Protein backbone atom coordinates (compact mmCIF):
# COMPACT_ATOMS: atom_id res chain seq x y z
CA MET A 1 138.76 109.84 29.02
CA LYS A 2 140.29 113.15 27.99
CA LYS A 3 140.31 114.21 24.34
CA TYR A 4 144.05 113.63 23.89
CA GLU A 5 143.73 110.13 25.36
CA LEU A 6 140.99 109.31 22.85
CA VAL A 7 143.17 110.65 20.03
CA ALA A 8 146.13 108.61 21.31
CA ASP A 9 143.97 105.46 21.15
CA LYS A 10 142.90 106.36 17.60
CA ILE A 11 146.52 106.81 16.51
CA LYS A 12 147.40 103.47 18.10
CA ASP A 13 144.50 101.86 16.17
CA TYR A 14 145.77 103.57 12.99
CA ILE A 15 149.21 102.00 13.53
CA THR A 16 147.58 98.57 13.87
CA GLU A 17 145.20 98.99 10.93
CA LYS A 18 147.97 100.19 8.60
CA GLN A 19 150.27 97.43 9.88
CA LEU A 20 153.04 99.94 10.53
CA HIS A 21 156.33 98.51 11.71
CA HIS A 22 159.39 99.72 13.59
CA GLY A 23 160.77 102.84 11.91
CA ASP A 24 157.66 103.66 9.88
CA LYS A 25 156.79 107.35 10.03
CA LEU A 26 153.45 108.69 11.23
CA PRO A 27 151.63 111.45 9.32
CA THR A 28 152.72 114.99 10.16
CA ILE A 29 151.21 116.90 13.08
CA THR A 30 149.21 118.98 10.58
CA ASP A 31 147.87 115.88 8.86
CA LEU A 32 146.92 114.32 12.21
CA MET A 33 145.11 117.53 13.19
CA LYS A 34 143.04 117.32 9.98
CA LYS A 35 142.48 113.58 10.29
CA TYR A 36 141.11 113.72 13.86
CA GLN A 37 139.65 117.25 13.72
CA VAL A 38 141.47 118.50 16.82
CA GLY A 39 143.94 121.25 17.67
CA LYS A 40 147.72 121.08 17.69
CA SER A 41 147.98 120.91 21.50
CA THR A 42 145.71 117.83 21.57
CA ILE A 43 147.85 116.04 18.97
CA LEU A 44 151.06 116.93 20.82
CA GLN A 45 149.60 115.64 24.11
CA ALA A 46 148.50 112.44 22.37
CA ILE A 47 151.98 111.93 20.88
CA THR A 48 153.56 112.53 24.29
CA LEU A 49 151.28 109.89 25.81
CA LEU A 50 152.21 107.41 23.07
CA THR A 51 155.93 108.04 23.66
CA GLN A 52 155.40 107.40 27.38
CA ARG A 53 153.69 104.12 26.53
CA GLY A 54 156.60 103.05 24.32
CA ILE A 55 154.52 103.02 21.12
CA VAL A 56 156.27 105.81 19.17
CA TYR A 57 159.43 107.87 19.34
CA LYS A 58 160.26 111.38 18.15
CA VAL A 59 163.24 112.45 16.04
CA GLN A 60 163.77 116.20 16.16
CA GLY A 61 163.36 117.73 12.73
CA SER A 62 162.26 114.45 11.17
CA GLY A 63 158.93 113.47 12.76
CA VAL A 64 157.33 110.73 14.82
CA PHE A 65 158.12 107.07 14.19
CA VAL A 66 156.69 103.71 15.25
CA ARG A 67 158.53 101.61 17.80
CA PRO A 68 158.61 97.80 17.78
CA THR A 69 155.41 96.26 19.12
CA GLY A 70 155.29 93.29 21.45
CA GLN A 71 155.76 89.86 19.94
CA ASP A 72 152.67 87.77 19.34
CA GLY A 73 151.50 86.12 22.55
CA TYR A 74 153.17 88.69 24.80
CA MET A 75 151.36 91.41 26.76
CA SER A 76 152.71 94.60 28.24
CA LEU A 77 153.52 94.22 31.91
CA THR A 78 152.80 97.91 32.52
CA ASP A 79 149.63 98.36 30.45
CA ASN A 80 146.74 99.66 32.54
CA ALA A 81 144.03 99.26 29.92
CA GLY A 82 142.70 95.97 31.35
CA PHE A 83 142.94 92.43 29.98
CA ALA A 84 139.91 92.84 27.70
CA HIS A 85 141.91 95.37 25.66
CA VAL A 86 145.31 93.69 25.55
CA LEU A 87 144.41 90.00 25.09
CA LYS A 88 142.85 88.42 22.01
CA LYS A 89 139.42 86.95 22.79
CA PRO A 90 139.90 86.47 26.55
CA THR A 91 137.26 84.62 28.55
CA THR A 92 136.37 85.30 32.17
CA GLU A 93 134.98 82.96 34.83
CA VAL A 94 133.74 84.69 37.99
CA ILE A 95 134.57 82.26 40.78
CA GLU A 96 133.33 84.45 43.65
CA PHE A 97 131.48 87.74 43.97
CA SER A 98 130.89 89.06 47.49
CA GLU A 99 131.28 92.03 49.84
CA LYS A 100 133.92 92.04 52.55
CA LYS A 101 136.85 93.93 53.98
CA ALA A 102 140.23 93.52 52.33
CA PRO A 103 143.00 91.68 54.22
CA LYS A 104 146.54 92.94 54.53
CA PRO A 105 148.45 93.90 52.43
CA ILE A 106 145.48 94.77 50.16
CA SER A 107 143.94 97.13 52.73
CA GLU A 108 147.29 98.88 53.15
CA HIS A 109 147.54 99.36 49.39
CA LEU A 110 144.01 100.81 49.34
CA HIS A 111 144.73 103.03 52.36
CA SER A 112 141.32 101.97 53.70
CA ASN A 113 139.67 99.37 55.92
CA GLU A 114 136.20 99.86 54.44
CA GLU A 115 134.01 97.12 53.02
CA CYS A 116 134.79 96.30 49.39
CA TYR A 117 133.39 94.36 46.50
CA PHE A 118 135.48 91.20 46.29
CA ILE A 119 135.79 89.56 42.88
CA LYS A 120 137.73 86.37 42.20
CA ARG A 121 138.11 85.67 38.49
CA LEU A 122 139.93 83.20 36.27
CA ARG A 123 141.01 84.71 32.96
CA LYS A 124 141.75 82.47 29.98
CA GLN A 125 143.37 83.07 26.60
CA ASP A 126 142.55 80.60 23.81
CA GLY A 127 140.96 78.36 26.43
CA LYS A 128 144.13 78.18 28.52
CA PRO A 129 144.32 79.58 32.10
CA PHE A 130 146.26 82.83 32.03
CA VAL A 131 145.81 84.52 35.40
CA LEU A 132 143.90 84.03 38.64
CA GLU A 133 142.77 87.42 39.90
CA GLU A 134 141.46 88.51 43.33
CA SER A 135 140.30 92.14 43.36
CA TYR A 136 138.92 94.48 46.00
CA TYR A 137 136.98 97.59 44.91
CA ARG A 138 136.21 100.26 47.51
CA LYS A 139 132.44 100.66 47.83
CA SER A 140 132.72 104.35 48.75
CA ILE A 141 134.27 104.98 45.31
CA ILE A 142 132.65 102.25 43.20
CA PRO A 143 129.08 102.42 44.57
CA PHE A 144 127.66 99.58 42.48
CA MET A 145 129.09 96.34 41.14
CA SER A 146 127.54 93.07 40.00
CA LYS A 147 128.59 89.62 38.87
CA GLU A 148 127.40 90.48 35.35
CA ILE A 149 129.71 93.51 35.25
CA ALA A 150 132.57 91.38 36.57
CA GLU A 151 132.10 88.94 33.70
CA GLY A 152 133.05 91.72 31.28
CA SER A 153 135.47 94.63 31.47
CA ILE A 154 135.22 96.27 34.89
CA PHE A 155 137.48 99.11 33.78
CA ASP A 156 135.17 99.91 30.83
CA TYR A 157 132.28 100.04 33.30
CA ILE A 158 134.21 102.41 35.58
CA ARG A 159 135.28 104.68 32.71
CA GLU A 160 132.10 104.69 30.65
CA GLY A 161 129.38 103.82 33.15
CA LEU A 162 130.64 105.70 36.20
CA LYS A 163 132.53 108.38 34.23
CA LYS A 164 135.64 108.02 36.37
CA GLU A 165 139.15 108.59 35.03
CA ILE A 166 141.66 105.82 35.76
CA ARG A 167 145.15 107.31 35.77
CA PHE A 168 148.00 105.15 37.12
CA SER A 169 148.90 102.08 39.14
CA ASP A 170 151.48 100.69 41.55
CA LYS A 171 152.80 97.16 41.00
CA TYR A 172 154.69 94.88 43.38
CA MET A 173 155.94 91.57 41.97
CA ARG A 174 157.57 88.41 43.19
CA VAL A 175 158.05 84.82 42.07
CA ARG A 176 156.79 82.14 44.44
CA LYS A 177 155.20 78.67 44.49
CA LEU A 178 151.52 77.95 43.93
CA THR A 179 149.21 76.86 46.73
CA ALA A 180 146.98 73.83 46.14
CA ASP A 181 143.90 76.05 45.56
CA GLU A 182 145.70 78.31 43.07
CA ALA A 183 147.16 75.32 41.22
CA LYS A 184 143.68 73.81 40.84
CA TYR A 185 142.32 76.84 39.00
CA LEU A 186 145.43 77.35 36.87
CA GLU A 187 145.55 73.64 35.99
CA LEU A 188 149.04 73.25 37.42
CA LYS A 189 150.58 71.37 40.32
CA GLU A 190 150.93 72.61 43.87
CA GLY A 191 154.45 73.99 44.25
CA ASP A 192 154.77 74.99 40.60
CA PRO A 193 156.21 78.52 40.14
CA CYS A 194 154.08 81.58 39.48
CA LEU A 195 154.43 85.33 39.13
CA GLU A 196 152.45 87.13 41.84
CA VAL A 197 151.58 90.79 41.20
CA TYR A 198 149.90 93.18 43.62
CA ASP A 199 148.34 95.90 41.47
CA THR A 200 146.72 99.04 42.91
CA PHE A 201 144.90 101.48 40.63
CA TYR A 202 144.22 105.17 41.21
CA LEU A 203 141.77 107.73 39.89
CA ALA A 204 142.72 111.20 38.64
CA ASN A 205 142.39 112.59 42.18
CA ARG A 206 145.04 110.07 43.34
CA THR A 207 142.52 107.98 45.26
CA ALA A 208 143.16 104.23 45.28
CA PHE A 209 139.95 102.45 44.25
CA ASP A 210 141.06 98.91 43.35
CA SER A 211 143.78 96.63 44.62
CA SER A 212 144.26 93.18 43.16
CA LYS A 213 146.41 90.11 43.60
CA LEU A 214 147.16 88.44 40.29
CA ILE A 215 148.66 84.97 40.00
CA TYR A 216 150.05 84.35 36.51
CA HIS A 217 150.43 80.93 34.89
CA TYR A 218 154.17 80.41 34.47
CA GLN A 219 153.79 78.80 31.04
CA ASN A 220 150.85 80.67 29.49
CA ALA A 221 151.64 84.23 30.58
CA LYS A 222 154.31 86.10 28.63
CA PHE A 223 155.27 89.75 29.08
CA TYR A 224 157.24 92.55 27.51
CA ASP A 225 158.03 96.07 28.61
CA GLN A 226 159.14 99.13 26.67
CA SER A 227 160.52 102.25 28.30
CA SER A 228 159.28 105.73 27.41
CA ASP A 229 161.14 107.82 24.84
CA ASP A 230 163.40 109.63 27.31
CA ILE A 231 166.97 110.84 27.14
CA ILE A 232 169.19 108.49 29.18
């Protein structure tokens, strides 16, 4: 991660630790520079990132203020940090770990027909099924993967273990009915509704390295979204 991204995470943690609410003012740029021992440009980049994420907003001549955070039990639909960082005490069951080529439309999203690591996982929150996830990681970009890694945070492994910078994602969503196999894992009935999300992640060089199909439990998964602080 770049220095300003680390500082942005620290400011976000500060907001949480201090239990700041909507409208509360952050310390001044000068105070933030002293607090995190970085230059002005790093703080400004961190603030810009936080405004893009919908965490703070700027008022010219007055400072930087906290925006409303998501309600308890809701997660950001556009957060790319990974479930381990946005859910409280999530658990992961690796249903399948293998190596194979991705089917369409996954291969089209990855812009590759190469062999991938395939990981099928069931994520739970407070013991309740939250999402069924099928992910394909390109082996040419992620040279090593294991079931043990898949049981934890894969994105932490990619960032910290492989030293790769994850930058952005593309999401395609639709509502449909569950198949019998999906319903079994999510503890629902075949034909129950679900939110299906195709999520493709890219590195800093704009290379797609992971494309996943996520099937969300229609009762246990709740989302919110906040736009960036832009002039409309």
